[in-house]
């Protein structure tokens, strides 16, 4: 009789832990995809500021040598503004940080899914299962604290993409 009670407690604990793993996976899918969207946006900013800066810099030099001082001055001023914006905003650095966060969230999601699907069913004690979920929860909390904040627009774009199946595997739909 006592064995049945401990089996029921273990089953209930595993069910609760499985639900929490699914929450972690869902959080990671949304956060990871939103960070990738933010990285793509900041990469666009990098090109939108950097490419005109390079082109105008070359054109200003040519205008200067062709004796068009007003055009050269206007282009040089524009280059200064664009370069200043790139220095201040650091779009390349921010894009890299968002991509790194996205990669870490996807890594956590993958690790959580593998643990939930393969290792958790093998758990023989509630304590072992509880320690495992605690480790994953800590990892998610650390990522949340260390990551840059993404915009609401990045998140909404992520949610839309996820609802359209961008974050699922064919095997999850019984295709493979």
N, C-alpha and C. Protein backbone atom coordinates (compact mmCIF):
# COMPACT_ATOMS: atom_id res chain seq x y z
N UNK A 1 0.81 -1.18 0.00
CA UNK A 1 0.00 0.00 0.00
C UNK A 1 0.87 1.26 0.00
N UNK A 2 1.93 1.23 0.82
CA UNK A 2 2.81 2.39 0.90
C UNK A 2 3.55 2.60 -0.42
N UNK A 3 3.90 1.52 -1.11
CA UNK A 3 4.56 1.61 -2.41
C UNK A 3 3.67 2.28 -3.43
N UNK A 4 2.38 1.99 -3.39
CA UNK A 4 1.44 2.62 -4.30
C UNK A 4 1.39 4.13 -4.08
N UNK A 5 1.42 4.54 -2.81
CA UNK A 5 1.37 5.96 -2.46
C UNK A 5 2.61 6.68 -2.98
N UNK A 6 3.80 6.07 -2.81
CA UNK A 6 5.02 6.72 -3.29
C UNK A 6 5.07 6.72 -4.81
N UNK A 7 4.53 5.69 -5.45
CA UNK A 7 4.45 5.68 -6.92
C UNK A 7 3.54 6.79 -7.42
N UNK A 8 2.43 7.03 -6.72
CA UNK A 8 1.50 8.09 -7.11
C UNK A 8 2.14 9.47 -6.92
N UNK A 9 2.90 9.62 -5.84
CA UNK A 9 3.58 10.89 -5.59
C UNK A 9 4.64 11.14 -6.67
N UNK A 10 5.38 10.10 -7.01
CA UNK A 10 6.39 10.24 -8.06
C UNK A 10 5.72 10.59 -9.39
N UNK A 11 4.62 9.91 -9.71
CA UNK A 11 3.91 10.19 -10.96
C UNK A 11 3.40 11.62 -11.00
N UNK A 12 2.85 12.09 -9.87
CA UNK A 12 2.35 13.46 -9.81
C UNK A 12 3.50 14.47 -9.94
N UNK A 13 4.61 14.18 -9.28
CA UNK A 13 5.77 15.06 -9.37
C UNK A 13 6.31 15.10 -10.80
N UNK A 14 6.42 13.95 -11.43
CA UNK A 14 6.91 13.89 -12.81
C UNK A 14 5.97 14.63 -13.76
N UNK A 15 4.67 14.54 -13.51
CA UNK A 15 3.71 15.25 -14.35
C UNK A 15 3.88 16.77 -14.20
N UNK A 16 4.05 17.23 -12.99
CA UNK A 16 4.25 18.67 -12.75
C UNK A 16 5.57 19.14 -13.35
N UNK A 17 6.59 18.33 -13.21
CA UNK A 17 7.91 18.70 -13.76
C UNK A 17 7.86 18.69 -15.29
N UNK A 18 7.17 17.74 -15.88
CA UNK A 18 7.01 17.70 -17.33
C UNK A 18 6.33 18.98 -17.82
N UNK A 19 5.29 19.41 -17.12
CA UNK A 19 4.60 20.65 -17.49
C UNK A 19 5.55 21.84 -17.41
N UNK A 20 6.37 21.88 -16.37
CA UNK A 20 7.32 22.99 -16.23
C UNK A 20 8.38 22.95 -17.33
N UNK A 21 8.84 21.75 -17.71
CA UNK A 21 9.78 21.65 -18.83
C UNK A 21 9.15 22.20 -20.11
N UNK A 22 7.88 21.91 -20.33
CA UNK A 22 7.19 22.42 -21.52
C UNK A 22 7.12 23.96 -21.49
N UNK A 23 6.93 24.52 -20.30
CA UNK A 23 6.92 25.98 -20.17
C UNK A 23 8.30 26.56 -20.51
N UNK A 24 9.33 25.92 -20.01
CA UNK A 24 10.69 26.38 -20.31
C UNK A 24 10.93 26.32 -21.81
N UNK A 25 10.53 25.21 -22.43
CA UNK A 25 10.72 25.07 -23.88
C UNK A 25 9.96 26.16 -24.64
N UNK A 26 8.72 26.42 -24.24
CA UNK A 26 7.92 27.45 -24.90
C UNK A 26 8.55 28.83 -24.71
N UNK A 27 8.97 29.14 -23.49
CA UNK A 27 9.64 30.42 -23.24
C UNK A 27 10.88 30.56 -24.12
N UNK A 28 11.65 29.50 -24.21
CA UNK A 28 12.90 29.54 -24.98
C UNK A 28 12.64 29.70 -26.47
N UNK A 29 11.60 29.06 -26.98
CA UNK A 29 11.26 29.21 -28.40
C UNK A 29 10.94 30.67 -28.70
N UNK A 30 10.07 31.25 -27.87
CA UNK A 30 9.67 32.63 -28.11
C UNK A 30 10.82 33.62 -27.91
N UNK A 31 11.56 33.45 -26.82
CA UNK A 31 12.67 34.37 -26.55
C UNK A 31 13.77 34.22 -27.59
N UNK A 32 14.10 32.98 -27.93
CA UNK A 32 15.15 32.75 -28.92
C UNK A 32 14.80 33.37 -30.26
N UNK A 33 13.58 33.14 -30.72
CA UNK A 33 13.16 33.67 -32.02
C UNK A 33 13.08 35.19 -31.98
N UNK A 34 12.62 35.76 -30.87
CA UNK A 34 12.57 37.22 -30.76
C UNK A 34 13.99 37.80 -30.80
N UNK A 35 14.94 37.14 -30.15
CA UNK A 35 16.33 37.62 -30.20
C UNK A 35 16.89 37.52 -31.61
N UNK A 36 16.56 36.46 -32.34
CA UNK A 36 17.02 36.36 -33.73
C UNK A 36 16.40 37.47 -34.58
N UNK A 37 15.14 37.80 -34.33
CA UNK A 37 14.50 38.91 -35.05
C UNK A 37 15.20 40.23 -34.72
N UNK A 38 15.54 40.42 -33.45
CA UNK A 38 16.25 41.64 -33.05
C UNK A 38 17.63 41.70 -33.70
N UNK A 39 18.30 40.56 -33.76
CA UNK A 39 19.63 40.52 -34.40
C UNK A 39 19.52 40.90 -35.87
N UNK A 40 18.52 40.39 -36.55
CA UNK A 40 18.33 40.72 -37.97
C UNK A 40 18.04 42.22 -38.13
N UNK A 41 17.23 42.77 -37.25
CA UNK A 41 16.91 44.20 -37.31
C UNK A 41 18.16 45.04 -37.10
N UNK A 42 18.96 44.70 -36.09
CA UNK A 42 20.18 45.47 -35.83
C UNK A 42 21.22 45.29 -36.92
N UNK A 43 21.24 44.14 -37.57
CA UNK A 43 22.12 43.96 -38.74
C UNK A 43 21.69 44.89 -39.87
N UNK A 44 20.38 45.04 -40.07
CA UNK A 44 19.89 45.98 -41.10
C UNK A 44 20.33 47.40 -40.76
N UNK A 45 20.21 47.78 -39.49
CA UNK A 45 20.66 49.11 -39.09
C UNK A 45 22.15 49.29 -39.39
N UNK A 46 22.91 48.27 -39.13
CA UNK A 46 24.35 48.33 -39.39
C UNK A 46 24.62 48.62 -40.87
N UNK A 47 23.92 47.91 -41.75
CA UNK A 47 24.11 48.14 -43.18
C UNK A 47 23.53 49.48 -43.64
N UNK A 48 22.39 49.87 -43.06
CA UNK A 48 21.77 51.14 -43.44
C UNK A 48 22.63 52.34 -43.04
N UNK A 49 23.40 52.20 -42.01
CA UNK A 49 24.31 53.28 -41.61
C UNK A 49 25.69 53.12 -42.24
N UNK A 50 26.17 51.90 -42.34
CA UNK A 50 27.53 51.65 -42.81
C UNK A 50 27.73 51.80 -44.30
N UNK A 51 26.84 51.24 -45.10
CA UNK A 51 27.03 51.31 -46.56
C UNK A 51 26.99 52.74 -47.09
N UNK A 52 25.99 53.55 -46.71
CA UNK A 52 26.01 54.93 -47.19
C UNK A 52 27.26 55.69 -46.71
N UNK A 53 27.72 55.37 -45.52
CA UNK A 53 28.91 56.02 -44.99
C UNK A 53 30.12 55.73 -45.89
N UNK A 54 30.28 54.49 -46.29
CA UNK A 54 31.41 54.11 -47.15
C UNK A 54 31.28 54.77 -48.52
N UNK A 55 30.10 54.69 -49.10
CA UNK A 55 29.89 55.25 -50.44
C UNK A 55 30.07 56.77 -50.42
N UNK A 56 29.46 57.43 -49.45
CA UNK A 56 29.57 58.89 -49.39
C UNK A 56 31.00 59.34 -49.07
N UNK A 57 31.70 58.55 -48.29
CA UNK A 57 33.09 58.89 -47.99
C UNK A 57 33.93 58.89 -49.27
N UNK A 58 33.76 57.86 -50.08
CA UNK A 58 34.49 57.79 -51.35
C UNK A 58 34.06 58.92 -52.29
N UNK A 59 32.75 59.17 -52.33
CA UNK A 59 32.24 60.23 -53.21
C UNK A 59 32.73 61.61 -52.74
N UNK A 60 32.81 61.82 -51.44
CA UNK A 60 33.29 63.10 -50.91
C UNK A 60 34.74 63.31 -51.31
N UNK A 61 35.55 62.27 -51.23
CA UNK A 61 36.95 62.37 -51.64
C UNK A 61 37.07 62.73 -53.11
N UNK A 62 36.24 62.06 -53.94
CA UNK A 62 36.27 62.35 -55.38
C UNK A 62 35.81 63.78 -55.64
N UNK A 63 34.77 64.22 -54.95
CA UNK A 63 34.25 65.58 -55.15
C UNK A 63 35.29 66.62 -54.73
N UNK A 64 36.01 66.33 -53.67
CA UNK A 64 37.05 67.24 -53.22
C UNK A 64 38.13 67.40 -54.29
N UNK A 65 38.57 66.28 -54.86
CA UNK A 65 39.63 66.34 -55.87
C UNK A 65 39.13 66.92 -57.19
N UNK A 66 37.84 66.86 -57.45
CA UNK A 66 37.28 67.43 -58.69
C UNK A 66 36.89 68.89 -58.48
N UNK A 67 37.23 69.39 -57.30
CA UNK A 67 36.99 70.80 -56.97
C UNK A 67 35.51 71.14 -56.84
N UNK A 68 34.78 70.28 -56.09
CA UNK A 68 33.39 70.56 -55.71
C UNK A 68 33.34 70.63 -54.18
N UNK A 69 33.85 71.70 -53.62
CA UNK A 69 34.00 71.77 -52.16
C UNK A 69 32.68 71.72 -51.40
N UNK A 70 31.62 72.30 -51.95
CA UNK A 70 30.33 72.29 -51.23
C UNK A 70 29.77 70.87 -51.17
N UNK A 71 29.80 70.17 -52.29
CA UNK A 71 29.31 68.78 -52.32
C UNK A 71 30.19 67.91 -51.42
N UNK A 72 31.50 68.11 -51.50
CA UNK A 72 32.42 67.33 -50.67
C UNK A 72 32.14 67.58 -49.19
N UNK A 73 31.92 68.83 -48.83
CA UNK A 73 31.63 69.18 -47.44
C UNK A 73 30.32 68.58 -46.96
N UNK A 74 29.30 68.63 -47.80
CA UNK A 74 27.99 68.07 -47.42
C UNK A 74 28.10 66.56 -47.22
N UNK A 75 28.81 65.90 -48.14
CA UNK A 75 28.97 64.44 -48.01
C UNK A 75 29.82 64.09 -46.80
N UNK A 76 30.87 64.86 -46.56
CA UNK A 76 31.74 64.60 -45.40
C UNK A 76 30.95 64.79 -44.10
N UNK A 77 30.09 65.79 -44.07
CA UNK A 77 29.25 66.01 -42.88
C UNK A 77 28.30 64.84 -42.67
N UNK A 78 27.70 64.36 -43.74
CA UNK A 78 26.79 63.21 -43.66
C UNK A 78 27.53 61.97 -43.19
N UNK A 79 28.73 61.78 -43.72
CA UNK A 79 29.56 60.65 -43.29
C UNK A 79 29.86 60.75 -41.79
N UNK A 80 30.16 61.96 -41.34
CA UNK A 80 30.45 62.17 -39.91
C UNK A 80 29.24 61.80 -39.05
N UNK A 81 28.05 62.19 -39.49
CA UNK A 81 26.83 61.88 -38.74
C UNK A 81 26.61 60.36 -38.73
N UNK A 82 26.71 59.73 -39.88
CA UNK A 82 26.50 58.28 -39.96
C UNK A 82 27.52 57.51 -39.12
N UNK A 83 28.76 57.94 -39.19
CA UNK A 83 29.82 57.29 -38.42
C UNK A 83 29.59 57.50 -36.92
N UNK A 84 29.17 58.70 -36.56
CA UNK A 84 28.86 58.97 -35.16
C UNK A 84 27.71 58.09 -34.66
N UNK A 85 26.69 57.92 -35.49
CA UNK A 85 25.57 57.06 -35.12
C UNK A 85 26.03 55.61 -34.95
N UNK A 86 26.89 55.17 -35.85
CA UNK A 86 27.39 53.79 -35.73
C UNK A 86 28.21 53.61 -34.46
N UNK A 87 28.99 54.61 -34.13
CA UNK A 87 29.81 54.54 -32.92
C UNK A 87 28.92 54.56 -31.68
N UNK A 88 27.90 55.39 -31.68
CA UNK A 88 27.02 55.52 -30.53
C UNK A 88 26.10 54.30 -30.38
N UNK A 89 25.46 53.89 -31.47
CA UNK A 89 24.47 52.81 -31.41
C UNK A 89 25.10 51.40 -31.39
N UNK A 90 26.26 51.26 -32.01
CA UNK A 90 26.95 49.97 -32.09
C UNK A 90 26.03 48.85 -32.59
N UNK A 91 25.42 49.04 -33.76
CA UNK A 91 24.46 48.05 -34.24
C UNK A 91 25.05 46.66 -34.45
N UNK A 92 26.28 46.58 -34.88
CA UNK A 92 26.92 45.28 -35.10
C UNK A 92 27.08 44.52 -33.78
N UNK A 93 27.50 45.23 -32.76
CA UNK A 93 27.70 44.63 -31.43
C UNK A 93 26.35 44.17 -30.85
N UNK A 94 25.33 45.00 -30.99
CA UNK A 94 24.01 44.64 -30.47
C UNK A 94 23.43 43.46 -31.23
N UNK A 95 23.61 43.44 -32.54
CA UNK A 95 23.13 42.31 -33.35
C UNK A 95 23.80 41.02 -32.89
N UNK A 96 25.09 41.08 -32.65
CA UNK A 96 25.83 39.90 -32.18
C UNK A 96 25.35 39.42 -30.82
N UNK A 97 25.07 40.37 -29.92
CA UNK A 97 24.58 40.00 -28.58
C UNK A 97 23.21 39.34 -28.66
N UNK A 98 22.34 39.86 -29.52
CA UNK A 98 21.01 39.25 -29.68
C UNK A 98 21.13 37.85 -30.30
N UNK A 99 22.00 37.70 -31.28
CA UNK A 99 22.17 36.37 -31.88
C UNK A 99 22.70 35.38 -30.86
N UNK A 100 23.65 35.81 -30.06
CA UNK A 100 24.20 34.96 -29.00
C UNK A 100 23.10 34.54 -28.02
N UNK A 101 22.26 35.48 -27.62
CA UNK A 101 21.16 35.14 -26.71
C UNK A 101 20.20 34.16 -27.37
N UNK A 102 19.88 34.41 -28.64
CA UNK A 102 18.99 33.49 -29.35
C UNK A 102 19.57 32.09 -29.40
N UNK A 103 20.87 31.99 -29.68
CA UNK A 103 21.53 30.68 -29.70
C UNK A 103 21.46 29.99 -28.34
N UNK A 104 21.66 30.77 -27.27
CA UNK A 104 21.62 30.18 -25.92
C UNK A 104 20.21 29.71 -25.55
N UNK A 105 19.19 30.48 -25.95
CA UNK A 105 17.82 30.06 -25.67
C UNK A 105 17.48 28.78 -26.44
N UNK A 106 17.91 28.69 -27.68
CA UNK A 106 17.63 27.47 -28.45
C UNK A 106 18.39 26.28 -27.88
N UNK A 107 19.58 26.51 -27.40
CA UNK A 107 20.35 25.45 -26.76
C UNK A 107 19.63 24.95 -25.51
N UNK A 108 19.15 25.88 -24.69
CA UNK A 108 18.41 25.50 -23.49
C UNK A 108 17.13 24.75 -23.86
N UNK A 109 16.43 25.22 -24.87
CA UNK A 109 15.21 24.53 -25.31
C UNK A 109 15.52 23.10 -25.74
N UNK A 110 16.57 22.94 -26.53
CA UNK A 110 16.93 21.60 -26.99
C UNK A 110 17.32 20.69 -25.83
N UNK A 111 18.12 21.22 -24.91
CA UNK A 111 18.52 20.42 -23.74
C UNK A 111 17.31 20.04 -22.89
N UNK A 112 16.38 20.99 -22.70
CA UNK A 112 15.19 20.71 -21.90
C UNK A 112 14.31 19.66 -22.57
N UNK A 113 14.15 19.77 -23.88
CA UNK A 113 13.33 18.80 -24.62
C UNK A 113 13.93 17.40 -24.54
N UNK A 114 15.22 17.29 -24.75
CA UNK A 114 15.88 15.98 -24.68
C UNK A 114 15.75 15.41 -23.28
N UNK A 115 15.96 16.24 -22.27
CA UNK A 115 15.83 15.75 -20.90
C UNK A 115 14.40 15.29 -20.64
N UNK A 116 13.42 16.11 -21.03
CA UNK A 116 12.01 15.78 -20.78
C UNK A 116 11.59 14.50 -21.51
N UNK A 117 12.03 14.38 -22.75
CA UNK A 117 11.60 13.25 -23.57
C UNK A 117 12.35 11.95 -23.24
N UNK A 118 13.62 12.04 -22.91
CA UNK A 118 14.45 10.83 -22.80
C UNK A 118 14.87 10.52 -21.36
N UNK A 119 15.34 11.51 -20.63
CA UNK A 119 15.89 11.24 -19.31
C UNK A 119 14.84 11.28 -18.19
N UNK A 120 13.92 12.22 -18.27
CA UNK A 120 12.92 12.36 -17.20
C UNK A 120 12.09 11.10 -17.00
N UNK A 121 11.65 10.43 -18.06
CA UNK A 121 10.87 9.20 -17.83
C UNK A 121 11.66 8.11 -17.08
N UNK A 122 12.98 8.21 -17.06
CA UNK A 122 13.82 7.23 -16.37
C UNK A 122 14.03 7.57 -14.90
N UNK A 123 13.55 8.76 -14.48
CA UNK A 123 13.75 9.19 -13.09
C UNK A 123 13.05 8.23 -12.14
N UNK A 124 13.77 7.82 -11.12
CA UNK A 124 13.21 6.86 -10.15
C UNK A 124 12.84 7.51 -8.83
N UNK A 125 13.30 8.76 -8.64
CA UNK A 125 12.92 9.47 -7.42
C UNK A 125 12.46 10.88 -7.76
N UNK A 126 11.58 11.40 -6.92
CA UNK A 126 11.10 12.76 -7.11
C UNK A 126 12.24 13.75 -6.89
N UNK A 127 13.16 13.43 -5.99
CA UNK A 127 14.27 14.34 -5.70
C UNK A 127 15.16 14.52 -6.93
N UNK A 128 15.47 13.44 -7.64
CA UNK A 128 16.31 13.55 -8.84
C UNK A 128 15.63 14.40 -9.90
N UNK A 129 14.34 14.20 -10.09
CA UNK A 129 13.59 14.98 -11.08
C UNK A 129 13.52 16.45 -10.67
N UNK A 130 13.32 16.70 -9.40
CA UNK A 130 13.23 18.07 -8.89
C UNK A 130 14.57 18.79 -9.04
N UNK A 131 15.66 18.12 -8.77
CA UNK A 131 16.98 18.73 -8.94
C UNK A 131 17.23 19.09 -10.40
N UNK A 132 16.77 18.23 -11.30
CA UNK A 132 16.97 18.49 -12.73
C UNK A 132 16.21 19.74 -13.17
N UNK A 133 14.94 19.83 -12.78
CA UNK A 133 14.15 20.99 -13.21
C UNK A 133 14.71 22.26 -12.58
N UNK A 134 15.22 22.15 -11.39
CA UNK A 134 15.81 23.31 -10.72
C UNK A 134 17.01 23.84 -11.52
N UNK A 135 17.81 22.94 -12.03
CA UNK A 135 18.98 23.32 -12.83
C UNK A 135 18.55 24.05 -14.12
N UNK A 136 17.54 23.52 -14.79
CA UNK A 136 17.06 24.15 -16.02
C UNK A 136 16.40 25.50 -15.74
N UNK A 137 15.67 25.59 -14.65
CA UNK A 137 15.02 26.85 -14.27
C UNK A 137 16.07 27.92 -13.98
N UNK A 138 17.12 27.55 -13.27
CA UNK A 138 18.21 28.50 -12.99
C UNK A 138 18.85 28.98 -14.27
N UNK A 139 19.09 28.07 -15.20
CA UNK A 139 19.70 28.43 -16.48
C UNK A 139 18.82 29.43 -17.23
N UNK A 140 17.51 29.17 -17.26
CA UNK A 140 16.59 30.09 -17.94
C UNK A 140 16.61 31.45 -17.26
N UNK A 141 16.58 31.48 -15.94
CA UNK A 141 16.57 32.75 -15.21
C UNK A 141 17.85 33.54 -15.48
N UNK A 142 18.98 32.87 -15.52
CA UNK A 142 20.25 33.54 -15.81
C UNK A 142 20.23 34.14 -17.22
N UNK A 143 19.70 33.39 -18.18
CA UNK A 143 19.60 33.90 -19.55
C UNK A 143 18.69 35.12 -19.61
N UNK A 144 17.56 35.06 -18.92
CA UNK A 144 16.63 36.19 -18.91
C UNK A 144 17.30 37.44 -18.35
N UNK A 145 18.12 37.28 -17.32
CA UNK A 145 18.78 38.43 -16.69
C UNK A 145 19.93 38.96 -17.55
N UNK A 146 20.63 38.08 -18.24
CA UNK A 146 21.83 38.50 -18.96
C UNK A 146 21.55 39.01 -20.37
N UNK A 147 20.40 38.66 -20.93
CA UNK A 147 20.10 39.01 -22.32
C UNK A 147 19.63 40.45 -22.46
N UNK A 148 19.96 41.03 -23.61
CA UNK A 148 19.42 42.34 -23.95
C UNK A 148 17.91 42.23 -24.10
N UNK A 149 17.23 43.32 -23.91
CA UNK A 149 15.78 43.32 -24.10
C UNK A 149 15.48 43.47 -25.58
N UNK A 150 14.55 42.68 -26.08
CA UNK A 150 14.12 42.81 -27.47
C UNK A 150 12.84 43.63 -27.50
N UNK A 151 12.49 44.14 -28.66
CA UNK A 151 11.31 44.99 -28.78
C UNK A 151 10.03 44.16 -28.83
N UNK A 152 8.93 44.80 -28.54
CA UNK A 152 7.62 44.14 -28.63
C UNK A 152 7.38 43.67 -30.06
N UNK A 153 7.83 44.47 -31.01
CA UNK A 153 7.67 44.10 -32.43
C UNK A 153 8.45 42.83 -32.76
N UNK A 154 9.66 42.70 -32.23
CA UNK A 154 10.45 41.48 -32.44
C UNK A 154 9.72 40.28 -31.86
N UNK A 155 9.11 40.46 -30.68
CA UNK A 155 8.39 39.37 -30.03
C UNK A 155 7.13 39.00 -30.82
N UNK A 156 6.38 40.00 -31.27
CA UNK A 156 5.16 39.72 -32.03
C UNK A 156 5.48 39.01 -33.34
N UNK A 157 6.57 39.42 -33.97
CA UNK A 157 7.00 38.75 -35.20
C UNK A 157 7.39 37.30 -34.90
N UNK A 158 8.04 37.07 -33.77
CA UNK A 158 8.40 35.71 -33.36
C UNK A 158 7.15 34.88 -33.12
N UNK A 159 6.19 35.45 -32.39
CA UNK A 159 4.95 34.73 -32.09
C UNK A 159 4.23 34.34 -33.37
N UNK A 160 4.18 35.27 -34.32
CA UNK A 160 3.51 34.99 -35.59
C UNK A 160 4.23 33.86 -36.34
N UNK A 161 5.55 33.93 -36.39
CA UNK A 161 6.32 32.89 -37.08
C UNK A 161 6.15 31.53 -36.42
N UNK A 162 6.14 31.52 -35.10
CA UNK A 162 5.97 30.26 -34.37
C UNK A 162 4.60 29.68 -34.64
N UNK A 163 3.56 30.54 -34.65
CA UNK A 163 2.20 30.04 -34.91
C UNK A 163 2.07 29.52 -36.33
N UNK A 164 2.94 29.96 -37.23
CA UNK A 164 2.93 29.48 -38.60
C UNK A 164 3.83 28.25 -38.78
N UNK A 165 4.37 27.75 -37.68
CA UNK A 165 5.14 26.51 -37.72
C UNK A 165 6.63 26.66 -37.96
N UNK A 166 7.16 27.88 -37.85
CA UNK A 166 8.58 28.10 -38.11
C UNK A 166 9.50 27.45 -37.08
N UNK A 167 8.97 27.10 -35.91
CA UNK A 167 9.83 26.59 -34.84
C UNK A 167 9.59 25.11 -34.56
N UNK A 168 8.90 24.42 -35.44
CA UNK A 168 8.61 23.01 -35.20
C UNK A 168 9.41 22.13 -36.15
N UNK A 169 9.57 20.92 -35.75
CA UNK A 169 10.29 19.93 -36.54
C UNK A 169 9.28 19.04 -37.25
N UNK A 170 9.64 18.53 -38.40
CA UNK A 170 8.74 17.66 -39.14
C UNK A 170 8.35 16.43 -38.32
N UNK A 171 9.27 15.91 -37.53
CA UNK A 171 8.99 14.73 -36.73
C UNK A 171 7.87 14.99 -35.72
N UNK A 172 7.74 16.24 -35.27
CA UNK A 172 6.68 16.58 -34.32
C UNK A 172 5.30 16.54 -34.96
N UNK A 173 5.25 16.54 -36.28
CA UNK A 173 3.98 16.46 -37.00
C UNK A 173 3.77 15.08 -37.60
N UNK A 174 4.64 14.14 -37.23
CA UNK A 174 4.50 12.78 -37.74
C UNK A 174 4.92 12.62 -39.19
N UNK A 175 5.67 13.59 -39.72
CA UNK A 175 6.08 13.54 -41.12
C UNK A 175 7.21 12.55 -41.34
N UNK A 176 8.15 12.49 -40.40
CA UNK A 176 9.29 11.59 -40.56
C UNK A 176 9.05 10.28 -39.84
